[in-house]
Amino acid sequence: MEERKNKIFGLLGKNIEYSFSRGYFTKKFDKLGLENHKYVNFDLENIAEFPALVKARGKNLIGMNVTIPFKEEVIKYLDKLDKTAKKIGAVNTIKFTKRGNLKGYNSDIVGFEKSLLPLINYGHKRALILGTGGASKAIAYALKKNGIKFKFVSRNPMKKKEISYHDLTEKVLHKYQIIINSTPVGTSPNIDKYPDIPYQFLTKNHLLYDLIYNPEITAFLAKGRDKGADIKNGFEMLQLQAEESWNIWNNS
């Protein structure tokens, strides 16, 4: 099979001009001297535009990262799923094979797991996941894998493991001492926004983790820090999942 000379990678999402990935991989390619590698943003209004994008870019496409709001929606356009992505039900990495097949993976779980576990202590046995989108599914998978019980917090709870924001009493927050924001609430430029939880019940025993990395300290994290909680943003997770994506594109 003929080697693809110009190699295109990119990020699939909506309103993603702010994104971390393009800058990260552009610097990586420069550092490695990969002059024929390019990383671009594929900013789509609707996932229905995806097949036309793939066709237009042709055989030079090597891989994509996928972000909000397409981590679940893109699955129907893929030829195959890695077993972990299939279990999670969300994809954040796509590999384009030389035969033209599209295979979906999820590297979010690797990034989240490696960045969270060093922060866990003996009291961190249960977690609340704010949001029920594609990113939350990888979070839940990683928590389950590591024996941490969890519930999703949703504006419109529909399933067994979902509760409402109105259900977050002092008793609930005492029981669930890891709180993970997987929603986009608080992302720049809307830095004054934050998930609607009762921050007055937070303590030094809590761990607040925000998948958002811009701003570095979201209002959600700042409110946790004010109560003495440990906090962590999503920057390290992004770096780790990006490297896992690179590994998938080159070795899987």
C-alpha atoms as a PDB file:
ATOM      1  CA  MET A   1       0.000   0.000   0.000  1.00  0.00           C
ATOM      2  CA  GLU A   2       1.357   3.425  -0.950  1.00  0.00           C
ATOM      3  CA  GLU A   3       2.537   5.579   1.951  1.00  0.00           C
ATOM      4  CA  ARG A   4       0.517   8.743   2.518  1.00  0.00           C
ATOM      5  CA  LYS A   5       2.960  11.629   2.082  1.00  0.00           C
ATOM      6  CA  ASN A   6       0.979  14.463   3.678  1.00  0.00           C
ATOM      7  CA  LYS A   7      -0.570  13.418   6.956  1.00  0.00           C
ATOM      8  CA  ILE A   8      -3.549  15.327   8.277  1.00  0.00           C
ATOM      9  CA  PHE A   9      -4.823  15.076  11.852  1.00  0.00           C
ATOM     10  CA  GLY A  10      -7.519  17.159  13.431  1.00  0.00           C
ATOM     11  CA  LEU A  11     -10.143  17.885  16.023  1.00  0.00           C
ATOM     12  CA  LEU A  12     -13.812  17.251  15.290  1.00  0.00           C
ATOM     13  CA  GLY A  13     -16.218  19.393  17.282  1.00  0.00           C
ATOM     14  CA  LYS A  14     -18.395  22.486  17.390  1.00  0.00           C
ATOM     15  CA  ASN A  15     -17.188  25.990  18.312  1.00  0.00           C
ATOM     16  CA  ILE A  16     -13.673  24.700  18.966  1.00  0.00           C
ATOM     17  CA  GLU A  17     -11.491  27.665  18.081  1.00  0.00           C
ATOM     18  CA  TYR A  18     -10.363  27.743  21.722  1.00  0.00           C
ATOM     19  CA  SER A  19      -9.202  24.142  21.676  1.00  0.00           C
ATOM     20  CA  PHE A  20      -6.046  22.783  23.239  1.00  0.00           C
ATOM     21  CA  SER A  21      -5.432  20.025  20.684  1.00  0.00           C
ATOM     22  CA  ARG A  22      -4.325  22.004  17.643  1.00  0.00           C
ATOM     23  CA  GLY A  23      -1.644  23.902  19.551  1.00  0.00           C
ATOM     24  CA  TYR A  24      -0.472  20.778  21.351  1.00  0.00           C
ATOM     25  CA  PHE A  25      -0.014  18.667  18.244  1.00  0.00           C
ATOM     26  CA  THR A  26       1.407  21.497  16.123  1.00  0.00           C
ATOM     27  CA  LYS A  27       4.157  21.931  18.722  1.00  0.00           C
ATOM     28  CA  LYS A  28       4.658  18.163  18.871  1.00  0.00           C
ATOM     29  CA  PHE A  29       5.072  17.897  15.106  1.00  0.00           C
ATOM     30  CA  ASP A  30       7.573  20.787  15.118  1.00  0.00           C
ATOM     31  CA  LYS A  31       9.570  19.199  17.934  1.00  0.00           C
ATOM     32  CA  LEU A  32       9.696  15.851  16.114  1.00  0.00           C
ATOM     33  CA  GLY A  33      10.554  17.465  12.777  1.00  0.00           C
ATOM     34  CA  LEU A  34       7.439  16.065  11.118  1.00  0.00           C
ATOM     35  CA  GLU A  35       7.061  18.656   8.372  1.00  0.00           C
ATOM     36  CA  ASN A  36       4.491  16.616   6.461  1.00  0.00           C
ATOM     37  CA  HIS A  37       2.165  16.422   9.486  1.00  0.00           C
ATOM     38  CA  LYS A  38      -0.599  18.986  10.001  1.00  0.00           C
ATOM     39  CA  TYR A  39      -3.276  19.331  12.683  1.00  0.00           C
ATOM     40  CA  VAL A  40      -6.419  21.313  11.906  1.00  0.00           C
ATOM     41  CA  ASN A  41      -9.768  22.079  13.517  1.00  0.00           C
ATOM     42  CA  PHE A  42     -12.798  20.498  11.846  1.00  0.00           C
ATOM     43  CA  ASP A  43     -15.470  22.788  13.247  1.00  0.00           C
ATOM     44  CA  LEU A  44     -18.874  21.453  12.211  1.00  0.00           C
ATOM     45  CA  GLU A  45     -22.341  22.810  12.908  1.00  0.00           C
ATOM     46  CA  ASN A  46     -23.872  19.350  12.528  1.00  0.00           C
ATOM     47  CA  ILE A  47     -22.438  15.817  12.581  1.00  0.00           C
ATOM     48  CA  ALA A  48     -24.276  15.138   9.300  1.00  0.00           C
ATOM     49  CA  GLU A  49     -21.467  17.123   7.630  1.00  0.00           C
ATOM     50  CA  PHE A  50     -18.897  14.526   8.721  1.00  0.00           C
ATOM     51  CA  PRO A  51     -19.056  12.140   5.709  1.00  0.00           C
ATOM     52  CA  ALA A  52     -18.520  15.012   3.263  1.00  0.00           C
ATOM     53  CA  LEU A  53     -15.550  16.219   5.316  1.00  0.00           C
ATOM     54  CA  VAL A  54     -13.946  12.773   5.232  1.00  0.00           C
ATOM     55  CA  LYS A  55     -14.514  12.454   1.491  1.00  0.00           C
ATOM     56  CA  ALA A  56     -13.066  15.907   0.778  1.00  0.00           C
ATOM     57  CA  ARG A  57      -9.887  15.278   2.777  1.00  0.00           C
ATOM     58  CA  GLY A  58      -9.341  11.886   1.172  1.00  0.00           C
ATOM     59  CA  LYS A  59      -6.474   9.523   1.907  1.00  0.00           C
ATOM     60  CA  ASN A  60      -4.341  12.100   3.714  1.00  0.00           C
ATOM     61  CA  LEU A  61      -6.496  11.841   6.824  1.00  0.00           C
ATOM     62  CA  ILE A  62      -4.709   9.812   9.499  1.00  0.00           C
ATOM     63  CA  GLY A  63      -6.576  10.550  12.690  1.00  0.00           C
ATOM     64  CA  MET A  64      -9.003  12.773  14.540  1.00  0.00           C
ATOM     65  CA  ASN A  65      -9.784  13.685  18.082  1.00  0.00           C
ATOM     66  CA  VAL A  66     -13.469  14.189  18.845  1.00  0.00           C
ATOM     67  CA  THR A  67     -14.912  16.621  21.367  1.00  0.00           C
ATOM     68  CA  ILE A  68     -18.243  18.098  22.437  1.00  0.00           C
ATOM     69  CA  PRO A  69     -20.888  17.552  21.151  1.00  0.00           C
ATOM     70  CA  PHE A  70     -19.985  14.683  18.803  1.00  0.00           C
ATOM     71  CA  LYS A  71     -18.435  11.941  20.973  1.00  0.00           C
ATOM     72  CA  GLU A  72     -21.565   9.818  20.753  1.00  0.00           C
ATOM     73  CA  GLU A  73     -23.063  11.080  17.496  1.00  0.00           C
ATOM     74  CA  VAL A  74     -19.995  10.219  15.419  1.00  0.00           C
ATOM     75  CA  ILE A  75     -20.239   6.502  16.201  1.00  0.00           C
ATOM     76  CA  LYS A  76     -22.841   5.808  13.512  1.00  0.00           C
ATOM     77  CA  TYR A  77     -20.363   6.971  10.856  1.00  0.00           C
ATOM     78  CA  LEU A  78     -17.554   4.633  11.936  1.00  0.00           C
ATOM     79  CA  ASP A  79     -16.781   1.183  10.559  1.00  0.00           C
ATOM     80  CA  LYS A  80     -15.519  -0.317  13.799  1.00  0.00           C
ATOM     81  CA  LEU A  81     -15.093   0.393  17.512  1.00  0.00           C
ATOM     82  CA  ASP A  82     -12.312  -0.594  19.860  1.00  0.00           C
ATOM     83  CA  LYS A  83     -13.749  -2.804  22.638  1.00  0.00           C
ATOM     84  CA  THR A  84     -13.307  -0.114  25.302  1.00  0.00           C
ATOM     85  CA  ALA A  85     -14.988   2.570  23.198  1.00  0.00           C
ATOM     86  CA  LYS A  86     -17.807   0.119  22.528  1.00  0.00           C
ATOM     87  CA  LYS A  87     -18.335  -0.481  26.257  1.00  0.00           C
ATOM     88  CA  ILE A  88     -18.199   3.234  27.026  1.00  0.00           C
ATOM     89  CA  GLY A  89     -20.479   4.235  24.163  1.00  0.00           C
ATOM     90  CA  ALA A  90     -18.411   7.295  23.265  1.00  0.00           C
ATOM     91  CA  VAL A  91     -15.456   7.997  20.982  1.00  0.00           C
ATOM     92  CA  ASN A  92     -12.837  10.710  21.280  1.00  0.00           C
ATOM     93  CA  THR A  93     -10.242   9.297  18.856  1.00  0.00           C
ATOM     94  CA  ILE A  94     -10.667   8.090  15.282  1.00  0.00           C
ATOM     95  CA  LYS A  95      -8.056   6.247  13.266  1.00  0.00           C
ATOM     96  CA  PHE A  96      -8.270   6.232   9.457  1.00  0.00           C
ATOM     97  CA  THR A  97      -6.723   3.048   8.139  1.00  0.00           C
ATOM     98  CA  LYS A  98      -4.915   2.733   4.816  1.00  0.00           C
ATOM     99  CA  ARG A  99      -7.847   0.671   3.586  1.00  0.00           C
ATOM    100  CA  GLY A 100     -10.155   3.582   4.233  1.00  0.00           C
ATOM    101  CA  ASN A 101     -11.874   2.251   7.337  1.00  0.00           C
ATOM    102  CA  LEU A 102     -12.680   4.441  10.319  1.00  0.00           C
ATOM    103  CA  LYS A 103     -12.106   2.949  13.752  1.00  0.00           C
ATOM    104  CA  GLY A 104     -13.194   4.614  16.985  1.00  0.00           C
ATOM    105  CA  TYR A 105     -11.318   4.592  20.288  1.00  0.00           C
ATOM    106  CA  ASN A 106     -11.617   6.347  23.637  1.00  0.00           C
ATOM    107  CA  SER A 107      -8.422   7.769  25.099  1.00  0.00           C
ATOM    108  CA  ASP A 108     -10.294   9.918  27.633  1.00  0.00           C
ATOM    109  CA  ILE A 109     -10.337   7.018  30.053  1.00  0.00           C
ATOM    110  CA  VAL A 110      -6.525   6.773  30.034  1.00  0.00           C
ATOM    111  CA  GLY A 111      -6.120  10.514  30.557  1.00  0.00           C
ATOM    112  CA  PHE A 112      -8.687  10.727  33.326  1.00  0.00           C
ATOM    113  CA  GLU A 113      -7.538   7.627  35.176  1.00  0.00           C
ATOM    114  CA  LYS A 114      -3.849   8.564  35.216  1.00  0.00           C
ATOM    115  CA  SER A 115      -4.571  12.120  36.357  1.00  0.00           C
ATOM    116  CA  LEU A 116      -7.156  11.230  39.016  1.00  0.00           C
ATOM    117  CA  LEU A 117      -5.687   8.211  40.813  1.00  0.00           C
ATOM    118  CA  PRO A 118      -2.736  10.029  42.470  1.00  0.00           C
ATOM    119  CA  LEU A 119      -5.281  12.296  44.211  1.00  0.00           C
ATOM    120  CA  ILE A 120      -7.440   9.522  45.644  1.00  0.00           C
ATOM    121  CA  ASN A 121      -7.290   8.763  49.379  1.00  0.00           C
ATOM    122  CA  TYR A 122      -9.018   6.222  51.617  1.00  0.00           C
ATOM    123  CA  GLY A 123     -12.078   8.460  52.054  1.00  0.00           C
ATOM    124  CA  HIS A 124     -12.761   8.832  48.365  1.00  0.00           C
ATOM    125  CA  LYS A 125     -15.101   5.907  47.809  1.00  0.00           C
ATOM    126  CA  ARG A 126     -17.979   7.551  45.909  1.00  0.00           C
ATOM    127  CA  ALA A 127     -18.225  10.129  43.158  1.00  0.00           C
ATOM    128  CA  LEU A 128     -20.792  12.436  41.598  1.00  0.00           C
ATOM    129  CA  ILE A 129     -20.415  13.019  37.861  1.00  0.00           C
ATOM    130  CA  LEU A 130     -21.980  16.314  36.822  1.00  0.00           C
ATOM    131  CA  GLY A 131     -23.409  15.861  33.325  1.00  0.00           C
ATOM    132  CA  THR A 132     -24.354  12.877  31.195  1.00  0.00           C
ATOM    133  CA  GLY A 133     -22.661  13.618  27.858  1.00  0.00           C
ATOM    134  CA  GLY A 134     -19.977  11.661  26.019  1.00  0.00           C
ATOM    135  CA  ALA A 135     -17.135  12.655  28.360  1.00  0.00           C
ATOM    136  CA  SER A 136     -19.104  11.504  31.403  1.00  0.00           C
ATOM    137  CA  LYS A 137     -19.284   7.964  30.042  1.00  0.00           C
ATOM    138  CA  ALA A 138     -15.498   7.584  30.003  1.00  0.00           C
ATOM    139  CA  ILE A 139     -15.356   9.027  33.523  1.00  0.00           C
ATOM    140  CA  ALA A 140     -17.900   6.467  34.734  1.00  0.00           C
ATOM    141  CA  TYR A 141     -15.983   3.624  33.076  1.00  0.00           C
ATOM    142  CA  ALA A 142     -12.745   4.652  34.798  1.00  0.00           C
ATOM    143  CA  LEU A 143     -14.419   4.999  38.192  1.00  0.00           C
ATOM    144  CA  LYS A 144     -16.080   1.596  37.919  1.00  0.00           C
ATOM    145  CA  LYS A 145     -12.787   0.029  36.861  1.00  0.00           C
ATOM    146  CA  ASN A 146     -11.166   1.369  40.022  1.00  0.00           C
ATOM    147  CA  GLY A 147     -13.929   0.375  42.420  1.00  0.00           C
ATOM    148  CA  ILE A 148     -15.350   3.865  42.978  1.00  0.00           C
ATOM    149  CA  LYS A 149     -19.143   3.982  43.139  1.00  0.00           C
ATOM    150  CA  PHE A 150     -20.806   6.864  41.329  1.00  0.00           C
ATOM    151  CA  LYS A 151     -23.979   8.616  40.329  1.00  0.00           C
ATOM    152  CA  PHE A 152     -24.629  10.989  37.450  1.00  0.00           C
ATOM    153  CA  VAL A 153     -26.145  14.375  38.241  1.00  0.00           C
ATOM    154  CA  SER A 154     -28.458  15.590  35.497  1.00  0.00           C
ATOM    155  CA  ARG A 155     -30.893  18.447  34.922  1.00  0.00           C
ATOM    156  CA  ASN A 156     -33.308  15.795  33.642  1.00  0.00           C
ATOM    157  CA  PRO A 157     -32.512  12.483  35.339  1.00  0.00           C
ATOM    158  CA  MET A 158     -33.916   9.562  33.359  1.00  0.00           C
ATOM    159  CA  LYS A 159     -31.938   6.487  34.354  1.00  0.00           C
ATOM    160  CA  LYS A 160     -31.317   4.479  37.503  1.00  0.00           C
ATOM    161  CA  LYS A 161     -27.883   5.957  38.289  1.00  0.00           C
ATOM    162  CA  GLU A 162     -28.980   9.541  37.653  1.00  0.00           C
ATOM    163  CA  ILE A 163     -30.109  12.078  40.230  1.00  0.00           C
ATOM    164  CA  SER A 164     -31.169  15.709  39.977  1.00  0.00           C
ATOM    165  CA  TYR A 165     -29.213  18.770  41.091  1.00  0.00           C
ATOM    166  CA  HIS A 166     -32.113  19.325  43.510  1.00  0.00           C
ATOM    167  CA  ASP A 167     -31.223  16.006  45.179  1.00  0.00           C
ATOM    168  CA  LEU A 168     -27.800  17.263  46.286  1.00  0.00           C
ATOM    169  CA  THR A 169     -28.396  17.619  50.006  1.00  0.00           C
ATOM    170  CA  GLU A 170     -25.802  17.926  52.746  1.00  0.00           C
ATOM    171  CA  LYS A 171     -26.217  14.197  53.391  1.00  0.00           C
ATOM    172  CA  VAL A 172     -25.519  13.352  49.747  1.00  0.00           C
ATOM    173  CA  LEU A 173     -22.409  15.540  49.593  1.00  0.00           C
ATOM    174  CA  HIS A 174     -21.135  14.009  52.824  1.00  0.00           C
ATOM    175  CA  LYS A 175     -21.433  10.564  51.224  1.00  0.00           C
ATOM    176  CA  TYR A 176     -20.041  11.465  47.779  1.00  0.00           C
ATOM    177  CA  GLN A 177     -16.690  13.154  48.302  1.00  0.00           C
ATOM    178  CA  ILE A 178     -15.431  13.193  44.709  1.00  0.00           C
ATOM    179  CA  ILE A 179     -17.275  15.638  42.439  1.00  0.00           C
ATOM    180  CA  ILE A 180     -16.392  15.673  38.736  1.00  0.00           C
ATOM    181  CA  ASN A 181     -17.635  18.348  36.356  1.00  0.00           C
ATOM    182  CA  SER A 182     -17.968  16.846  32.877  1.00  0.00           C
ATOM    183  CA  THR A 183     -20.180  19.677  31.605  1.00  0.00           C
ATOM    184  CA  PRO A 184     -18.909  22.720  29.655  1.00  0.00           C
ATOM    185  CA  VAL A 185     -20.312  25.087  32.316  1.00  0.00           C
ATOM    186  CA  GLY A 186     -17.611  27.557  33.313  1.00  0.00           C
ATOM    187  CA  THR A 187     -15.519  27.339  30.153  1.00  0.00           C
ATOM    188  CA  SER A 188     -13.944  30.581  28.939  1.00  0.00           C
ATOM    189  CA  PRO A 189     -15.344  33.111  28.110  1.00  0.00           C
ATOM    190  CA  ASN A 190     -18.195  32.254  30.513  1.00  0.00           C
ATOM    191  CA  ILE A 191     -15.860  32.062  33.474  1.00  0.00           C
ATOM    192  CA  ASP A 192     -18.412  33.367  35.987  1.00  0.00           C
ATOM    193  CA  LYS A 193     -20.655  30.319  35.444  1.00  0.00           C
ATOM    194  CA  TYR A 194     -20.540  27.187  37.596  1.00  0.00           C
ATOM    195  CA  PRO A 195     -22.580  24.019  38.125  1.00  0.00           C
ATOM    196  CA  ASP A 196     -25.539  24.479  40.461  1.00  0.00           C
ATOM    197  CA  ILE A 197     -24.479  22.437  43.478  1.00  0.00           C
ATOM    198  CA  PRO A 198     -24.634  23.368  47.204  1.00  0.00           C
ATOM    199  CA  TYR A 199     -21.023  24.456  47.670  1.00  0.00           C
ATOM    200  CA  GLN A 200     -21.714  25.339  51.325  1.00  0.00           C
ATOM    201  CA  PHE A 201     -21.630  21.616  52.128  1.00  0.00           C
ATOM    202  CA  LEU A 202     -18.147  21.039  50.728  1.00  0.00           C
ATOM    203  CA  THR A 203     -15.304  20.269  53.140  1.00  0.00           C
ATOM    204  CA  LYS A 204     -11.569  19.608  53.176  1.00  0.00           C
ATOM    205  CA  ASN A 205     -12.420  15.946  52.590  1.00  0.00           C
ATOM    206  CA  HIS A 206     -13.789  16.618  49.114  1.00  0.00           C
ATOM    207  CA  LEU A 207     -11.984  16.353  45.794  1.00  0.00           C
ATOM    208  CA  LEU A 208     -13.292  18.508  42.937  1.00  0.00           C
ATOM    209  CA  TYR A 209     -12.172  17.605  39.431  1.00  0.00           C
ATOM    210  CA  ASP A 210     -13.103  19.759  36.435  1.00  0.00           C
ATOM    211  CA  LEU A 211     -12.575  18.498  32.889  1.00  0.00           C
ATOM    212  CA  ILE A 212     -12.358  22.172  31.855  1.00  0.00           C
ATOM    213  CA  TYR A 213      -8.827  23.577  31.568  1.00  0.00           C
ATOM    214  CA  ASN A 214      -9.571  27.131  30.399  1.00  0.00           C
ATOM    215  CA  PRO A 215      -9.651  28.974  32.741  1.00  0.00           C
ATOM    216  CA  GLU A 216      -7.080  27.156  34.845  1.00  0.00           C
ATOM    217  CA  ILE A 217      -9.178  27.628  37.983  1.00  0.00           C
ATOM    218  CA  THR A 218     -12.870  27.571  37.110  1.00  0.00           C
ATOM    219  CA  ALA A 219     -15.489  29.073  39.413  1.00  0.00           C
ATOM    220  CA  PHE A 220     -16.420  25.470  40.310  1.00  0.00           C
ATOM    221  CA  LEU A 221     -12.872  24.730  41.452  1.00  0.00           C
ATOM    222  CA  ALA A 222     -12.455  28.082  43.182  1.00  0.00           C
ATOM    223  CA  LYS A 223     -15.564  27.479  45.271  1.00  0.00           C
ATOM    224  CA  GLY A 224     -14.218  24.066  46.253  1.00  0.00           C
ATOM    225  CA  ARG A 225     -10.819  25.505  47.120  1.00  0.00           C
ATOM    226  CA  ASP A 226     -12.503  28.111  49.347  1.00  0.00           C
ATOM    227  CA  LYS A 227     -13.930  25.223  51.383  1.00  0.00           C
ATOM    228  CA  GLY A 228     -10.561  23.507  51.691  1.00  0.00           C
ATOM    229  CA  ALA A 229     -11.232  20.811  49.085  1.00  0.00           C
ATOM    230  CA  ASP A 230      -8.518  19.404  46.845  1.00  0.00           C
ATOM    231  CA  ILE A 231      -8.962  20.554  43.238  1.00  0.00           C
ATOM    232  CA  LYS A 232      -7.744  19.485  39.807  1.00  0.00           C
ATOM    233  CA  ASN A 233      -8.449  20.830  36.328  1.00  0.00           C
ATOM    234  CA  GLY A 234      -8.502  18.907  33.053  1.00  0.00           C
ATOM    235  CA  PHE A 235      -5.184  20.023  31.566  1.00  0.00           C
ATOM    236  CA  GLU A 236      -3.147  16.975  32.532  1.00  0.00           C
ATOM    237  CA  MET A 237      -5.975  14.709  31.391  1.00  0.00           C
ATOM    238  CA  LEU A 238      -5.909  16.421  27.991  1.00  0.00           C
ATOM    239  CA  GLN A 239      -2.161  15.970  27.678  1.00  0.00           C
ATOM    240  CA  LEU A 240      -2.376  12.296  28.630  1.00  0.00           C
ATOM    241  CA  GLN A 241      -5.294  11.528  26.318  1.00  0.00           C
ATOM    242  CA  ALA A 242      -3.545  13.380  23.475  1.00  0.00           C
ATOM    243  CA  GLU A 243      -0.472  11.185  23.866  1.00  0.00           C
ATOM    244  CA  GLU A 244      -2.675   8.095  23.969  1.00  0.00           C
ATOM    245  CA  SER A 245      -4.342   9.264  20.742  1.00  0.00           C
ATOM    246  CA  TRP A 246      -0.913   9.678  19.139  1.00  0.00           C
ATOM    247  CA  ASN A 247      -0.056   6.158  20.209  1.00  0.00           C
ATOM    248  CA  ILE A 248      -3.312   4.838  18.701  1.00  0.00           C
ATOM    249  CA  TRP A 249      -2.721   6.587  15.375  1.00  0.00           C
ATOM    250  CA  ASN A 250       0.807   5.228  15.093  1.00  0.00           C
ATOM    251  CA  ASN A 251       0.705   1.814  16.743  1.00  0.00           C
ATOM    252  CA  SER A 252      -2.806   0.376  16.922  1.00  0.00           C
END
